PDB file of all heavy atoms in Angstrom:
ATOM      1  N   SER A   1      91.863 111.651  96.066  1.00  0.00           N
ATOM      2  CA  SER A   1      91.130 112.136  94.886  1.00  0.00           C
ATOM      3  C   SER A   1      92.051 112.444  93.722  1.00  0.00           C
ATOM      4  O   SER A   1      91.826 111.972  92.609  1.00  0.00           O
ATOM      5  CB  SER A   1      90.311 113.373  95.253  1.00  0.00           C
ATOM      6  OG  SER A   1      91.151 114.396  95.732  1.00  0.00           O
ATOM      7  N   ASP A   2      93.101 113.218  93.950  1.00  0.00           N
ATOM      8  CA  ASP A   2      93.921 113.621  92.807  1.00  0.00           C
ATOM      9  C   ASP A   2      95.339 113.065  92.837  1.00  0.00           C
ATOM     10  O   ASP A   2      96.127 113.326  91.934  1.00  0.00           O
ATOM     11  CB  ASP A   2      93.965 115.141  92.661  1.00  0.00           C
ATOM     12  CG  ASP A   2      94.646 115.840  93.831  1.00  0.00           C
ATOM     13  OD1 ASP A   2      95.307 115.172  94.650  1.00  0.00           O
ATOM     14  OD2 ASP A   2      94.522 117.080  93.924  1.00  0.00           O
ATOM     15  N   GLY A   3      95.683 112.322  93.889  1.00  0.00           N
ATOM     16  CA  GLY A   3      97.000 111.699  93.942  1.00  0.00           C
ATOM     17  C   GLY A   3      98.139 112.630  94.287  1.00  0.00           C
ATOM     18  O   GLY A   3      99.310 112.220  94.245  1.00  0.00           O
ATOM     19  N   SER A   4      97.838 113.873  94.650  1.00  0.00           N
ATOM     20  CA  SER A   4      98.922 114.770  95.044  1.00  0.00           C
ATOM     21  C   SER A   4      99.560 114.252  96.329  1.00  0.00           C
ATOM     22  O   SER A   4      98.891 113.614  97.161  1.00  0.00           O
ATOM     23  CB  SER A   4      98.415 116.193  95.211  1.00  0.00           C
ATOM     24  OG  SER A   4      97.329 116.238  96.120  1.00  0.00           O
ATOM     25  N   THR A   5     100.850 114.523  96.468  1.00  0.00           N
ATOM     26  CA  THR A   5     101.611 113.916  97.562  1.00  0.00           C
ATOM     27  C   THR A   5     102.379 114.948  98.378  1.00  0.00           C
ATOM     28  O   THR A   5     102.615 116.078  97.936  1.00  0.00           O
ATOM     29  CB  THR A   5     102.609 112.884  97.014  1.00  0.00           C
ATOM     30  OG1 THR A   5     103.485 113.538  96.086  1.00  0.00           O
ATOM     31  CG2 THR A   5     101.903 111.739  96.320  1.00  0.00           C
ATOM     32  N   TYR A   6     102.758 114.510  99.549  1.00  0.00           N
ATOM     33  CA  TYR A   6     103.651 115.265 100.427  1.00  0.00           C
ATOM     34  C   TYR A   6     104.675 114.285 100.975  1.00  0.00           C
ATOM     35  O   TYR A   6     104.342 113.135 101.313  1.00  0.00           O
ATOM     36  CB  TYR A   6     102.883 115.899 101.584  1.00  0.00           C
ATOM     37  CG  TYR A   6     103.802 116.363 102.697  1.00  0.00           C
ATOM     38  CD1 TYR A   6     104.446 117.592 102.626  1.00  0.00           C
ATOM     39  CD2 TYR A   6     104.077 115.535 103.785  1.00  0.00           C
ATOM     40  CE1 TYR A   6     105.319 117.992 103.616  1.00  0.00           C
ATOM     41  CE2 TYR A   6     104.945 115.933 104.786  1.00  0.00           C
ATOM     42  CZ  TYR A   6     105.559 117.163 104.696  1.00  0.00           C
ATOM     43  OH  TYR A   6     106.428 117.548 105.677  1.00  0.00           O
ATOM     44  N   TYR A   7     105.913 114.733 101.070  1.00  0.00           N
ATOM     45  CA  TYR A   7     106.971 113.962 101.711  1.00  0.00           C
ATOM     46  C   TYR A   7     107.705 114.842 102.703  1.00  0.00           C
ATOM     47  O   TYR A   7     108.035 116.002 102.394  1.00  0.00           O
ATOM     48  CB  TYR A   7     107.976 113.435 100.691  1.00  0.00           C
ATOM     49  CG  TYR A   7     107.405 112.420  99.734  1.00  0.00           C
ATOM     50  CD1 TYR A   7     106.939 112.795  98.484  1.00  0.00           C
ATOM     51  CD2 TYR A   7     107.323 111.069 100.095  1.00  0.00           C
ATOM     52  CE1 TYR A   7     106.397 111.858  97.612  1.00  0.00           C
ATOM     53  CE2 TYR A   7     106.802 110.130  99.220  1.00  0.00           C
ATOM     54  CZ  TYR A   7     106.334 110.535  97.993  1.00  0.00           C
ATOM     55  OH  TYR A   7     105.805 109.598  97.130  1.00  0.00           O
ATOM     56  N   GLY A   8     107.999 114.289 103.844  1.00  0.00           N
ATOM     57  CA  GLY A   8     108.846 114.994 104.784  1.00  0.00           C
ATOM     58  C   GLY A   8     110.244 115.133 104.229  1.00  0.00           C
ATOM     59  O   GLY A   8     110.699 114.286 103.442  1.00  0.00           O
ATOM     60  N   ASP A   9     110.941 116.172 104.620  1.00  0.00           N
ATOM     61  CA  ASP A   9     112.268 116.423 104.079  1.00  0.00           C
ATOM     62  C   ASP A   9     113.216 115.249 104.306  1.00  0.00           C
ATOM     63  O   ASP A   9     114.077 114.960 103.475  1.00  0.00           O
ATOM     64  CB  ASP A   9     112.864 117.688 104.713  1.00  0.00           C
ATOM     65  CG  ASP A   9     112.201 118.951 104.205  1.00  0.00           C
ATOM     66  OD1 ASP A   9     111.535 118.903 103.142  1.00  0.00           O
ATOM     67  OD2 ASP A   9     112.341 119.995 104.867  1.00  0.00           O
ATOM     68  N   SER A  10     113.063 114.569 105.418  1.00  0.00           N
ATOM     69  CA  SER A  10     113.999 113.503 105.755  1.00  0.00           C
ATOM     70  C   SER A  10     113.820 112.244 104.905  1.00  0.00           C
ATOM     71  O   SER A  10     114.686 111.375 104.902  1.00  0.00           O
ATOM     72  CB  SER A  10     113.863 113.136 107.233  1.00  0.00           C
ATOM     73  OG  SER A  10     112.564 112.643 107.498  1.00  0.00           O
ATOM     74  N   VAL A  11     112.703 112.144 104.183  1.00  0.00           N
ATOM     75  CA  VAL A  11     112.448 110.934 103.396  1.00  0.00           C
ATOM     76  C   VAL A  11     112.343 111.204 101.900  1.00  0.00           C
ATOM     77  O   VAL A  11     112.212 110.258 101.110  1.00  0.00           O
ATOM     78  CB  VAL A  11     111.162 110.204 103.873  1.00  0.00           C
ATOM     79  CG1 VAL A  11     111.224 109.942 105.377  1.00  0.00           C
ATOM     80  CG2 VAL A  11     109.909 110.987 103.511  1.00  0.00           C
ATOM     81  N   LYS A  12     112.425 112.452 101.499  1.00  0.00           N
ATOM     82  CA  LYS A  12     112.312 112.778 100.080  1.00  0.00           C
ATOM     83  C   LYS A  12     113.384 112.056  99.269  1.00  0.00           C
ATOM     84  O   LYS A  12     114.546 112.009  99.666  1.00  0.00           O
ATOM     85  CB  LYS A  12     112.451 114.290  99.876  1.00  0.00           C
ATOM     86  CG  LYS A  12     111.198 115.069 100.175  1.00  0.00           C
ATOM     87  CD  LYS A  12     111.419 116.561  99.945  1.00  0.00           C
ATOM     88  CE  LYS A  12     110.195 117.361 100.320  1.00  0.00           C
ATOM     89  NZ  LYS A  12     110.424 118.817 100.214  1.00  0.00           N
ATOM     90  N   GLY A  13     112.961 111.488  98.163  1.00  0.00           N
ATOM     91  CA  GLY A  13     113.890 110.777  97.293  1.00  0.00           C
ATOM     92  C   GLY A  13     114.134 109.338  97.703  1.00  0.00           C
ATOM     93  O   GLY A  13     114.747 108.576  96.954  1.00  0.00           O
ATOM     94  N   ARG A  14     113.662 108.956  98.880  1.00  0.00           N
ATOM     95  CA  ARG A  14     113.862 107.576  99.350  1.00  0.00           C
ATOM     96  C   ARG A  14     112.553 106.825  99.527  1.00  0.00           C
ATOM     97  O   ARG A  14     112.503 105.605  99.377  1.00  0.00           O
ATOM     98  CB  ARG A  14     114.619 107.586 100.680  1.00  0.00           C
ATOM     99  CG  ARG A  14     115.980 108.240 100.612  1.00  0.00           C
ATOM    100  CD  ARG A  14     116.763 108.059 101.925  1.00  0.00           C
ATOM    101  NE  ARG A  14     116.100 108.707 103.049  1.00  0.00           N
ATOM    102  CZ  ARG A  14     115.682 108.068 104.139  1.00  0.00           C
ATOM    103  NH1 ARG A  14     115.844 106.758 104.254  1.00  0.00           N
ATOM    104  NH2 ARG A  14     115.122 108.744 105.138  1.00  0.00           N
ATOM    105  N   PHE A  15     111.512 107.524  99.884  1.00  0.00           N
ATOM    106  CA  PHE A  15     110.197 106.902 100.105  1.00  0.00           C
ATOM    107  C   PHE A  15     109.261 107.285  98.964  1.00  0.00           C
ATOM    108  O   PHE A  15     109.371 108.372  98.380  1.00  0.00           O
ATOM    109  CB  PHE A  15     109.586 107.380 101.419  1.00  0.00           C
ATOM    110  CG  PHE A  15     110.265 106.881 102.661  1.00  0.00           C
ATOM    111  CD1 PHE A  15     111.507 106.272 102.635  1.00  0.00           C
ATOM    112  CD2 PHE A  15     109.635 107.009 103.894  1.00  0.00           C
ATOM    113  CE1 PHE A  15     112.121 105.810 103.787  1.00  0.00           C
ATOM    114  CE2 PHE A  15     110.224 106.562 105.070  1.00  0.00           C
ATOM    115  CZ  PHE A  15     111.484 105.963 105.012  1.00  0.00           C
ATOM    116  N   ALA A  16     108.337 106.401  98.669  1.00  0.00           N
ATOM    117  CA  ALA A  16     107.336 106.667  97.638  1.00  0.00           C
ATOM    118  C   ALA A  16     105.982 106.181  98.127  1.00  0.00           C
ATOM    119  O   ALA A  16     105.849 105.022  98.543  1.00  0.00           O
ATOM    120  CB  ALA A  16     107.706 105.985  96.338  1.00  0.00           C
ATOM    121  N   ILE A  17     104.997 107.067  98.084  1.00  0.00           N
ATOM    122  CA  ILE A  17     103.655 106.718  98.521  1.00  0.00           C
ATOM    123  C   ILE A  17     102.772 106.548  97.290  1.00  0.00           C
ATOM    124  O   ILE A  17     102.942 107.235  96.277  1.00  0.00           O
ATOM    125  CB  ILE A  17     103.086 107.784  99.483  1.00  0.00           C
ATOM    126  CG1 ILE A  17     101.824 107.282 100.180  1.00  0.00           C
ATOM    127  CG2 ILE A  17     102.841 109.109  98.758  1.00  0.00           C
ATOM    128  CD1 ILE A  17     101.381 108.176 101.341  1.00  0.00           C
ATOM    129  N   SER A  18     101.849 105.628  97.377  1.00  0.00           N
ATOM    130  CA  SER A  18     100.907 105.403  96.289  1.00  0.00           C
ATOM    131  C   SER A  18      99.596 104.916  96.883  1.00  0.00           C
ATOM    132  O   SER A  18      99.533 104.573  98.069  1.00  0.00           O
ATOM    133  CB  SER A  18     101.453 104.379  95.293  1.00  0.00           C
ATOM    134  OG  SER A  18     101.689 103.133  95.933  1.00  0.00           O
ATOM    135  N   ARG A  19      98.562 104.912  96.069  1.00  0.00           N
ATOM    136  CA  ARG A  19      97.296 104.376  96.550  1.00  0.00           C
ATOM    137  C   ARG A  19      96.571 103.665  95.427  1.00  0.00           C
ATOM    138  O   ARG A  19      96.743 103.966  94.254  1.00  0.00           O
ATOM    139  CB  ARG A  19      96.419 105.466  97.203  1.00  0.00           C
ATOM    140  CG  ARG A  19      95.410 106.165  96.289  1.00  0.00           C
ATOM    141  CD  ARG A  19      96.004 107.312  95.564  1.00  0.00           C
ATOM    142  NE  ARG A  19      94.982 108.163  94.996  1.00  0.00           N
ATOM    143  CZ  ARG A  19      94.948 108.528  93.719  1.00  0.00           C
ATOM    144  NH1 ARG A  19      95.848 108.082  92.886  1.00  0.00           N
ATOM    145  NH2 ARG A  19      94.008 109.342  93.278  1.00  0.00           N
ATOM    146  N   ASP A  20      95.781 102.699  95.827  1.00  0.00           N
ATOM    147  CA  ASP A  20      94.943 101.941  94.909  1.00  0.00           C
ATOM    148  C   ASP A  20      93.512 102.099  95.412  1.00  0.00           C
ATOM    149  O   ASP A  20      93.093 101.419  96.356  1.00  0.00           O
ATOM    150  CB  ASP A  20      95.371 100.473  94.897  1.00  0.00           C
ATOM    151  CG  ASP A  20      94.587  99.633  93.900  1.00  0.00           C
ATOM    152  OD1 ASP A  20      93.496 100.058  93.487  1.00  0.00           O
ATOM    153  OD2 ASP A  20      95.075  98.548  93.556  1.00  0.00           O
ATOM    154  N   ASN A  21      92.796 103.008  94.814  1.00  0.00           N
ATOM    155  CA  ASN A  21      91.445 103.297  95.313  1.00  0.00           C
ATOM    156  C   ASN A  21      90.505 102.106  95.161  1.00  0.00           C
ATOM    157  O   ASN A  21      89.575 101.952  95.946  1.00  0.00           O
ATOM    158  CB  ASN A  21      90.872 104.528  94.612  1.00  0.00           C
ATOM    159  CG  ASN A  21      91.454 105.824  95.156  1.00  0.00           C
ATOM    160  OD1 ASN A  21      92.446 105.820  95.882  1.00  0.00           O
ATOM    161  ND2 ASN A  21      90.858 106.940  94.781  1.00  0.00           N
ATOM    162  N   ALA A  22      90.758 101.279  94.164  1.00  0.00           N
ATOM    163  CA  ALA A  22      89.905 100.109  93.979  1.00  0.00           C
ATOM    164  C   ALA A  22      90.030  99.159  95.171  1.00  0.00           C
ATOM    165  O   ALA A  22      89.082  98.453  95.514  1.00  0.00           O
ATOM    166  CB  ALA A  22      90.266  99.390  92.691  1.00  0.00           C
ATOM    167  N   LYS A  23      91.200  99.157  95.795  1.00  0.00           N
ATOM    168  CA  LYS A  23      91.430  98.305  96.969  1.00  0.00           C
ATOM    169  C   LYS A  23      91.322  99.096  98.265  1.00  0.00           C
ATOM    170  O   LYS A  23      91.525  98.531  99.345  1.00  0.00           O
ATOM    171  CB  LYS A  23      92.805  97.638  96.882  1.00  0.00           C
ATOM    172  CG  LYS A  23      92.958  96.694  95.706  1.00  0.00           C
ATOM    173  CD  LYS A  23      94.341  96.048  95.706  1.00  0.00           C
ATOM    174  CE  LYS A  23      94.483  95.081  94.546  1.00  0.00           C
ATOM    175  NZ  LYS A  23      95.833  94.462  94.503  1.00  0.00           N
ATOM    176  N   ASN A  24      91.064 100.399  98.140  1.00  0.00           N
ATOM    177  CA  ASN A  24      91.014 101.255  99.338  1.00  0.00           C
ATOM    178  C   ASN A  24      92.280 101.117 100.173  1.00  0.00           C
ATOM    179  O   ASN A  24      92.226 101.089 101.414  1.00  0.00           O
ATOM    180  CB  ASN A  24      89.783 100.937 100.192  1.00  0.00           C
ATOM    181  CG  ASN A  24      88.799 102.087 100.253  1.00  0.00           C
ATOM    182  OD1 ASN A  24      88.721 102.900  99.330  1.00  0.00           O
ATOM    183  ND2 ASN A  24      88.049 102.175 101.333  1.00  0.00           N
ATOM    184  N   THR A  25      93.398 101.062  99.492  1.00  0.00           N
ATOM    185  CA  THR A  25      94.672 100.783 100.145  1.00  0.00           C
ATOM    186  C   THR A  25      95.736 101.771  99.687  1.00  0.00           C
ATOM    187  O   THR A  25      95.775 102.147  98.514  1.00  0.00           O
ATOM    188  CB  THR A  25      95.126  99.348  99.837  1.00  0.00           C
ATOM    189  OG1 THR A  25      94.155  98.428 100.353  1.00  0.00           O
ATOM    190  CG2 THR A  25      96.476  99.046 100.463  1.00  0.00           C
ATOM    191  N   ALA A  26      96.576 102.179 100.629  1.00  0.00           N
ATOM    192  CA  ALA A  26      97.745 103.005 100.328  1.00  0.00           C
ATOM    193  C   ALA A  26      98.995 102.215 100.656  1.00  0.00           C
ATOM    194  O   ALA A  26      98.979 101.316 101.513  1.00  0.00           O
ATOM    195  CB  ALA A  26      97.699 104.300 101.124  1.00  0.00           C
ATOM    196  N   TYR A  27     100.066 102.578  99.979  1.00  0.00           N
ATOM    197  CA  TYR A  27     101.339 101.886 100.160  1.00  0.00           C
ATOM    198  C   TYR A  27     102.436 102.924 100.396  1.00  0.00           C
ATOM    199  O   TYR A  27     102.423 104.002  99.802  1.00  0.00           O
ATOM    200  CB  TYR A  27     101.686 101.067  98.917  1.00  0.00           C
ATOM    201  CG  TYR A  27     100.613 100.094  98.522  1.00  0.00           C
ATOM    202  CD1 TYR A  27      99.651 100.430  97.580  1.00  0.00           C
ATOM    203  CD2 TYR A  27     100.547  98.826  99.094  1.00  0.00           C
ATOM    204  CE1 TYR A  27      98.649  99.540  97.214  1.00  0.00           C
ATOM    205  CE2 TYR A  27      99.558  97.925  98.730  1.00  0.00           C
ATOM    206  CZ  TYR A  27      98.607  98.301  97.790  1.00  0.00           C
ATOM    207  OH  TYR A  27      97.616  97.411  97.445  1.00  0.00           O
ATOM    208  N   LEU A  28     103.387 102.551 101.223  1.00  0.00           N
ATOM    209  CA  LEU A  28     104.562 103.380 101.426  1.00  0.00           C
ATOM    210  C   LEU A  28     105.785 102.508 101.166  1.00  0.00           C
ATOM    211  O   LEU A  28     106.096 101.618 101.952  1.00  0.00           O
ATOM    212  CB  LEU A  28     104.607 103.941 102.850  1.00  0.00           C
ATOM    213  CG  LEU A  28     105.752 104.904 103.133  1.00  0.00           C
ATOM    214  CD1 LEU A  28     105.562 106.199 102.332  1.00  0.00           C
ATOM    215  CD2 LEU A  28     105.848 105.226 104.628  1.00  0.00           C
ATOM    216  N   GLN A  29     106.424 102.749 100.041  1.00  0.00           N
ATOM    217  CA  GLN A  29     107.645 102.034  99.697  1.00  0.00           C
ATOM    218  C   GLN A  29     108.819 102.805 100.281  1.00  0.00           C
ATOM    219  O   GLN A  29     109.027 103.964  99.924  1.00  0.00           O
ATOM    220  CB  GLN A  29     107.790 101.916  98.184  1.00  0.00           C
ATOM    221  CG  GLN A  29     109.055 101.215  97.743  1.00  0.00           C
ATOM    222  CD  GLN A  29     109.066  99.744  98.125  1.00  0.00           C
ATOM    223  OE1 GLN A  29     108.078  99.037  97.946  1.00  0.00           O
ATOM    224  NE2 GLN A  29     110.185  99.272  98.662  1.00  0.00           N
ATOM    225  N   MET A  30     109.552 102.159 101.157  1.00  0.00           N
ATOM    226  CA  MET A  30     110.665 102.801 101.834  1.00  0.00           C
ATOM    227  C   MET A  30     111.956 102.158 101.359  1.00  0.00           C
ATOM    228  O   MET A  30     112.144 100.945 101.511  1.00  0.00           O
ATOM    229  CB  MET A  30     110.514 102.656 103.349  1.00  0.00           C
ATOM    230  CG  MET A  30     109.171 103.157 103.875  1.00  0.00           C
ATOM    231  SD  MET A  30     109.045 103.107 105.667  1.00  0.00           S
ATOM    232  CE  MET A  30     109.048 101.343 105.940  1.00  0.00           C
ATOM    233  N   SER A  31     112.832 102.970 100.801  1.00  0.00           N
ATOM    234  CA  SER A  31     114.094 102.478 100.277  1.00  0.00           C
ATOM    235  C   SER A  31     115.245 103.230 100.925  1.00  0.00           C
ATOM    236  O   SER A  31     115.048 104.276 101.535  1.00  0.00           O
ATOM    237  CB  SER A  31     114.142 102.658  98.759  1.00  0.00           C
ATOM    238  OG  SER A  31     113.058 102.005  98.136  1.00  0.00           O
ATOM    239  N   SER A  32     116.442 102.690 100.768  1.00  0.00           N
ATOM    240  CA  SER A  32     117.643 103.315 101.334  1.00  0.00           C
ATOM    241  C   SER A  32     117.426 103.677 102.798  1.00  0.00           C
ATOM    242  O   SER A  32     117.746 104.793 103.230  1.00  0.00           O
ATOM    243  CB  SER A  32     118.037 104.552 100.519  1.00  0.00           C
ATOM    244  OG  SER A  32     118.260 104.220  99.167  1.00  0.00           O
ATOM    245  N   LEU A  33     116.884 102.743 103.524  1.00  0.00           N
ATOM    246  CA  LEU A  33     116.533 103.019 104.918  1.00  0.00           C
ATOM    247  C   LEU A  33     117.762 103.309 105.756  1.00  0.00           C
ATOM    248  O   LEU A  33     118.832 102.713 105.563  1.00  0.00           O
ATOM    249  CB  LEU A  33     115.741 101.843 105.490  1.00  0.00           C
ATOM    250  CG  LEU A  33     114.270 101.816 105.057  1.00  0.00           C
ATOM    251  CD1 LEU A  33     113.671 100.434 105.257  1.00  0.00           C
ATOM    252  CD2 LEU A  33     113.469 102.861 105.816  1.00  0.00           C
ATOM    253  N   LYS A  34     117.579 104.226 106.683  1.00  0.00           N
ATOM    254  CA  LYS A  34     118.643 104.651 107.589  1.00  0.00           C
ATOM    255  C   LYS A  34     118.233 104.317 109.027  1.00  0.00           C
ATOM    256  O   LYS A  34     117.038 104.215 109.324  1.00  0.00           O
ATOM    257  CB  LYS A  34     118.850 106.158 107.465  1.00  0.00           C
ATOM    258  CG  LYS A  34     119.155 106.655 106.062  1.00  0.00           C
ATOM    259  CD  LYS A  34     119.241 108.167 106.041  1.00  0.00           C
ATOM    260  CE  LYS A  34     119.532 108.688 104.642  1.00  0.00           C
ATOM    261  NZ  LYS A  34     119.603 110.177 104.611  1.00  0.00           N
ATOM    262  N   PRO A  35     119.188 104.211 109.921  1.00  0.00           N
ATOM    263  CA  PRO A  35     118.834 103.952 111.322  1.00  0.00           C
ATOM    264  C   PRO A  35     117.850 104.981 111.888  1.00  0.00           C
ATOM    265  O   PRO A  35     116.993 104.634 112.711  1.00  0.00           O
ATOM    266  CB  PRO A  35     120.189 104.006 112.032  1.00  0.00           C
ATOM    267  CG  PRO A  35     121.157 103.573 110.992  1.00  0.00           C
ATOM    268  CD  PRO A  35     120.637 104.149 109.706  1.00  0.00           C
ATOM    269  N   GLU A  36     117.970 106.217 111.433  1.00  0.00           N
ATOM    270  CA  GLU A  36     117.067 107.250 111.943  1.00  0.00           C
ATOM    271  C   GLU A  36     115.640 107.119 111.413  1.00  0.00           C
ATOM    272  O   GLU A  36     114.746 107.851 111.840  1.00  0.00           O
ATOM    273  CB  GLU A  36     117.614 108.648 111.632  1.00  0.00           C
ATOM    274  CG  GLU A  36     117.993 108.887 110.197  1.00  0.00           C
ATOM    275  CD  GLU A  36     119.475 108.665 109.936  1.00  0.00           C
ATOM    276  OE1 GLU A  36     120.060 107.679 110.470  1.00  0.00           O
ATOM    277  OE2 GLU A  36     120.066 109.472 109.180  1.00  0.00           O
ATOM    278  N   ASP A  37     115.403 106.189 110.480  1.00  0.00           N
ATOM    279  CA  ASP A  37     114.036 105.926 110.024  1.00  0.00           C
ATOM    280  C   ASP A  37     113.294 104.977 110.960  1.00  0.00           C
ATOM    281  O   ASP A  37     112.088 104.781 110.811  1.00  0.00           O
ATOM    282  CB  ASP A  37     114.039 105.302 108.622  1.00  0.00           C
ATOM    283  CG  ASP A  37     114.530 106.255 107.555  1.00  0.00           C
ATOM    284  OD1 ASP A  37     114.124 107.429 107.583  1.00  0.00           O
ATOM    285  OD2 ASP A  37     115.321 105.817 106.697  1.00  0.00           O
ATOM    286  N   ALA A  38     113.998 104.390 111.894  1.00  0.00           N
ATOM    287  CA  ALA A  38     113.376 103.419 112.784  1.00  0.00           C
ATOM    288  C   ALA A  38     112.315 104.078 113.668  1.00  0.00           C
ATOM    289  O   ALA A  38     112.437 105.237 114.046  1.00  0.00           O
ATOM    290  CB  ALA A  38     114.436 102.755 113.660  1.00  0.00           C
ATOM    291  N   GLY A  39     111.280 103.315 113.978  1.00  0.00           N
ATOM    292  CA  GLY A  39     110.220 103.812 114.849  1.00  0.00           C
ATOM    293  C   GLY A  39     108.922 103.099 114.569  1.00  0.00           C
ATOM    294  O   GLY A  39     108.880 102.144 113.779  1.00  0.00           O
ATOM    295  N   ASN A  40     107.882 103.562 115.210  1.00  0.00           N
ATOM    296  CA  ASN A  40     106.540 103.041 114.953  1.00  0.00           C
ATOM    297  C   ASN A  40     105.879 103.917 113.903  1.00  0.00           C
ATOM    298  O   ASN A  40     105.819 105.139 114.052  1.00  0.00           O
ATOM    299  CB  ASN A  40     105.722 103.027 116.230  1.00  0.00           C
ATOM    300  CG  ASN A  40     106.212 101.966 117.196  1.00  0.00           C
ATOM    301  OD1 ASN A  40     106.457 100.837 116.810  1.00  0.00           O
ATOM    302  ND2 ASN A  40     106.359 102.333 118.456  1.00  0.00           N
ATOM    303  N   TYR A  41     105.387 103.283 112.872  1.00  0.00           N
ATOM    304  CA  TYR A  41     104.736 103.987 111.770  1.00  0.00           C
ATOM    305  C   TYR A  41     103.229 103.781 111.874  1.00  0.00           C
ATOM    306  O   TYR A  41     102.751 102.640 111.982  1.00  0.00           O
ATOM    307  CB  TYR A  41     105.252 103.466 110.434  1.00  0.00           C
ATOM    308  CG  TYR A  41     106.617 103.982 110.067  1.00  0.00           C
ATOM    309  CD1 TYR A  41     107.736 103.634 110.815  1.00  0.00           C
ATOM    310  CD2 TYR A  41     106.794 104.832 108.977  1.00  0.00           C
ATOM    311  CE1 TYR A  41     108.992 104.119 110.490  1.00  0.00           C
ATOM    312  CE2 TYR A  41     108.049 105.318 108.636  1.00  0.00           C
ATOM    313  CZ  TYR A  41     109.139 104.965 109.402  1.00  0.00           C
ATOM    314  OH  TYR A  41     110.383 105.445 109.075  1.00  0.00           O
ATOM    315  N   TYR A  42     102.521 104.867 111.826  1.00  0.00           N
ATOM    316  CA  TYR A  42     101.064 104.828 111.947  1.00  0.00           C
ATOM    317  C   TYR A  42     100.430 105.389 110.686  1.00  0.00           C
ATOM    318  O   TYR A  42     100.743 106.504 110.264  1.00  0.00           O
ATOM    319  CB  TYR A  42     100.603 105.659 113.147  1.00  0.00           C
ATOM    320  CG  TYR A  42     101.110 105.151 114.473  1.00  0.00           C
ATOM    321  CD1 TYR A  42     102.313 105.583 115.004  1.00  0.00           C
ATOM    322  CD2 TYR A  42     100.355 104.228 115.212  1.00  0.00           C
ATOM    323  CE1 TYR A  42     102.779 105.112 116.217  1.00  0.00           C
ATOM    324  CE2 TYR A  42     100.812 103.759 116.437  1.00  0.00           C
ATOM    325  CZ  TYR A  42     102.019 104.204 116.921  1.00  0.00           C
ATOM    326  OH  TYR A  42     102.478 103.735 118.135  1.00  0.00           O
TER     327      TYR A  42
END
């Protein structure tokens, strides 16, 4: 509704979340990835 966001401390400054309500879709742009970012994302 208002686009307010939350980021976990470990990803702040590296990940960016956005959404396109017209497409009913959200995006997670992940940059400067580290080995500890590996895993299954849900």
